[in-house]
Amino acid sequence: MKKHTRIYLTEMQYDISDFIPCEICGSKAVDIHHIERRGMGGNPNADVIENLMALCRHHHDQLGDVVEHKPYLKQVHVRQMKKRNEKSRH
């Protein structure tokens, strides 16, 4: 399992066998996307939960690496992290 996938699953409190929803539409996520690119050679700050989000293939292709969509992706991801944190407290 890739490091960023493991970080996402742990931080969002998912197990590898769980259904992981796309943070945009709720369908099955197939990618853990880096909102800010890792860059060539890797960025040590890229593999943090604030920069990782689950996306289905459609949304990864449509929104994933389009600079204009980064603010939207960040906004959606912050909302999803808050929802997960609220559920874990109850």
Protein backbone atom coordinates (compact mmCIF):
# COMPACT_ATOMS: atom_id res chain seq x y z
CA MET A 1 0.00 0.00 0.00
CA LYS A 2 1.30 3.44 -0.89
CA LYS A 3 2.28 5.72 1.97
CA HIS A 4 -0.28 8.42 1.13
CA THR A 5 -3.08 5.84 0.91
CA ARG A 6 -2.16 4.46 4.33
CA ILE A 7 -2.10 7.99 5.79
CA TYR A 8 -5.52 8.77 4.31
CA LEU A 9 -7.11 5.55 5.57
CA THR A 10 -5.68 6.00 9.07
CA GLU A 11 -6.55 9.66 9.42
CA MET A 12 -10.06 9.28 8.00
CA GLN A 13 -10.56 6.13 10.12
CA TYR A 14 -11.17 3.70 7.28
CA ASP A 15 -10.05 0.11 6.96
CA ILE A 16 -8.69 -1.15 3.63
CA SER A 17 -11.81 -3.34 3.32
CA ASP A 18 -14.23 -0.41 3.83
CA PHE A 19 -16.16 1.31 1.08
CA ILE A 20 -14.27 4.58 0.59
CA PRO A 21 -16.56 7.22 -0.90
CA CYS A 22 -15.50 9.88 -3.37
CA GLU A 23 -15.45 13.12 -1.41
CA ILE A 24 -17.23 14.90 -4.28
CA CYS A 25 -20.10 12.56 -5.22
CA GLY A 26 -20.09 9.64 -2.76
CA SER A 27 -19.50 6.92 -5.36
CA LYS A 28 -16.63 4.47 -4.90
CA ALA A 29 -13.27 6.23 -4.70
CA VAL A 30 -10.47 4.67 -6.69
CA ASP A 31 -7.70 7.19 -6.02
CA ILE A 32 -6.28 9.04 -3.07
CA HIS A 33 -5.47 12.33 -4.73
CA HIS A 34 -2.82 14.87 -3.74
CA ILE A 35 -4.57 18.25 -3.88
CA GLU A 36 -1.20 19.98 -4.15
CA ARG A 37 1.04 17.95 -6.42
CA ARG A 38 3.90 15.96 -4.98
CA GLY A 39 6.19 17.23 -7.71
CA MET A 40 9.20 15.55 -9.22
CA GLY A 41 11.19 13.75 -6.58
CA GLY A 42 8.40 14.08 -4.06
CA ASN A 43 7.40 16.79 -1.65
CA PRO A 44 7.72 15.79 2.00
CA ASN A 45 4.74 18.01 2.85
CA ALA A 46 2.47 16.37 0.27
CA ASP A 47 1.62 13.23 2.25
CA VAL A 48 -0.45 14.89 4.97
CA ILE A 49 -4.18 14.42 5.47
CA GLU A 50 -4.88 18.06 4.64
CA ASN A 51 -3.50 17.40 1.15
CA LEU A 52 -5.08 13.99 0.49
CA MET A 53 -8.60 13.27 -0.67
CA ALA A 54 -10.48 10.27 -2.02
CA LEU A 55 -11.85 10.64 -5.55
CA CYS A 56 -13.71 8.44 -7.99
CA ARG A 57 -12.16 8.01 -11.44
CA HIS A 58 -14.51 10.57 -13.02
CA HIS A 59 -13.73 13.34 -10.54
CA HIS A 60 -10.03 12.55 -10.46
CA ASP A 61 -9.91 12.90 -14.25
CA GLN A 62 -12.18 15.95 -14.31
CA LEU A 63 -10.86 17.95 -11.34
CA GLY A 64 -7.66 16.32 -10.14
CA ASP A 65 -4.84 18.28 -11.68
CA VAL A 66 -6.67 21.43 -12.77
CA VAL A 67 -5.22 24.42 -10.91
CA GLU A 68 -8.53 26.31 -11.01
CA HIS A 69 -10.24 23.51 -9.06
CA LYS A 70 -7.79 23.38 -6.13
CA PRO A 71 -9.73 25.85 -3.93
CA TYR A 72 -12.92 23.84 -4.47
CA LEU A 73 -11.17 20.54 -3.71
CA LYS A 74 -9.67 22.00 -0.53
CA GLN A 75 -13.07 23.32 0.58
CA VAL A 76 -14.78 19.97 0.01
CA HIS A 77 -11.98 18.08 1.76
CA VAL A 78 -12.05 20.31 4.86
CA ARG A 79 -15.80 19.68 5.09
CA GLN A 80 -15.28 15.90 4.81
CA MET A 81 -12.56 15.90 7.47
CA LYS A 82 -14.88 17.78 9.85
CA LYS A 83 -17.68 15.26 9.23
CA ARG A 84 -15.34 12.33 9.96
CA ASN A 85 -14.07 14.00 13.13
CA GLU A 86 -17.62 14.63 14.35
CA LYS A 87 -18.61 11.00 13.73
CA SER A 88 -15.57 9.72 15.62
CA ARG A 89 -16.49 11.78 18.69
CA HIS A 90 -19.94 10.19 18.93
